[in-house]
Structure formats: structure tokens, C-alpha cells
Amino acid sequence: MVSPLNFEQAVSARDALAKAVYGRTFNWLVEKINQSLALKAENYRSSKDASVIGLLDIYGFEVLQHNSFEQFCINYCNEKLQQLFIELTLRSEQEEYETEGIAWENVQYFDNKIICDLIEEKHKGIISILDEECLRPGETCDISFLEKLEDTVGGHPHFITHKLATGKTRRIMSREEFRLLHYAGEVDYNVNGFLDKNNDLLNRNLKEVMCQSENQILSHCFRREEVIDQKRPEMAASQFKNSLMKLMEILMSKEPSYVRCIKPNDAKQP
């Protein structure tokens, strides 16, 4: 059965395939590196010899002139890491001081669980609303996603849009933006492209073609089970969220030490 595509659909299909090839071969490469670095039991006399140091490099928040889906994901990740930092250091250390009866002046900190919940809460967080809008039948677009956000989380103290803002903020906010009040400051996200970037637009026929590739790496990256599986693949934001949850589980089970790096100044001044 032939289903012809118009120009826009053909461009979208091409871009989706290019992104999928890049994304999957990148994951394949990471997997190979992890396998080569993995601890091999035969190299160690006992489990005591198998101590490992993991290094997590965090750059921090991204606040650009134009912030989109990518910056939203990066900043959500930083919120989660900040939450972990609070849990593992400030809160637990201060509780220990109090238990031991040491004279101690409490350090005030911003508990950013409120923002993490705003982004990731089931059924009513920003990611859930985005996924729902991508899957909803009928006419959906980035602006309908923004309107759904206003309806669902409009009363949240860390969420603002042009419609919900006061006069002064309205003058500097676009009608296509929403603002999150992160622990590190305010960031305006433009919703244009959010639905497309969150969707897995790769056509099942294209996956089938890639499965038949003579390139062994490509045919390995596009597994045949995927083509047979009728389940809709997870959206990009949900994949990111689940991956982040796994990272948090690993970090929570470890004993952290911190190396503070100084970010260079943007003006390149001496």
C-alpha cells in the first residue's frame, strides 16, 4: 500500500529518521563504552578490590535568549540534582547536628521539591500535560498545550504565562511563552516546537527499512521487535524523566563528595 507524503510530511519524516539514526548510534556508542569500563569479576580477588569512583559532571542551568524544549529538560535535570544535593547534604547534616545536641544556627535553603513536582507529577505535571497533548486526537498544537498548562497549573506560584501575568511582566513576555521560577532564577520557555520535539515521529515503515540495513550497527540499533510491537513508543520528555529517575536512584545509593568549579565569565574579562 502506497501512502504519498506532501512536502512538509516528507521533510518531517526525513528529519525524524536523521534524528533517530543519530540518537540511536550515540546510545550504542555509550553502551559500548560502558561495557568496556564495566568491572570484570575475574580481575578482582575479592569484592573489596572492586571499589569504584563515579564522576557526574554538572554544568548548571541554561538560560538563553530563546529557551525551548531542550533547555526545559536540562533545567529540570538541574532541579532534580539540586533536590538531591539538599537531601544528601544540607538537610541530613543539619538533622545530625540537632540529634547530637550541637549548638547550630539553621541554614535556610529553598526546597525545590515544589518545582520538581510541578514538572514531573503524574497526570497534572508539565510533562504529563505535554504527553497528553501529543496523544490527544483532534487538532493539537503548541498553543493548545500552553492553554492546557494555564488551565491545569495556572494557579501554581512558580508558573506564569502572558495571560496570567501582571501588567509589567506582560510587556516583556511573549504570548507563546511560559515562565518557570526555578531555584536559580526565572526562565521563559517558548512553546513553539514542544509537541514536535516530544513526539516520536519515526514511521514504522522507516524502522522496518533500517532493520534490514546491511550496516551491522544500524540493524542492531533498530530492533525488529520494535516493528512488531504495537505499543506506542514513549515520548521524549517521559524517556528523559525515566532516565533521570534511574540516575537519582544510583546517586541516592552512593556517598557523595563535591568538587566546586567556577564558571568562566561570559564577557571573557580578565
Foldseek 3Di string as FASTA:
>chain_A
DDDDDDPVLVVLQVVLLVCLLVVLLVVVVVVVVCVVVDDDVVVDPDVVVVDDDDDDDQDAADADPAAAPVNVLNNLLRLVVVLVVCVQPLPVVVVVCVVVVHDDDRDDDDNSVLVNCLQDPPPQHLVNLLQCQLPDPDDGFLLVSVVVNCVRCVVPPFKAALVSDDPVVVVVGDNQWMWGQGSVGIHIHGSHCVSVQFASSHDLVVLVVQCPDPPVSSVVSSDPVVSVDPDGDGTPSVVSVVVSVVVSVVVVVDNDDDDDDDDDDPVNDD
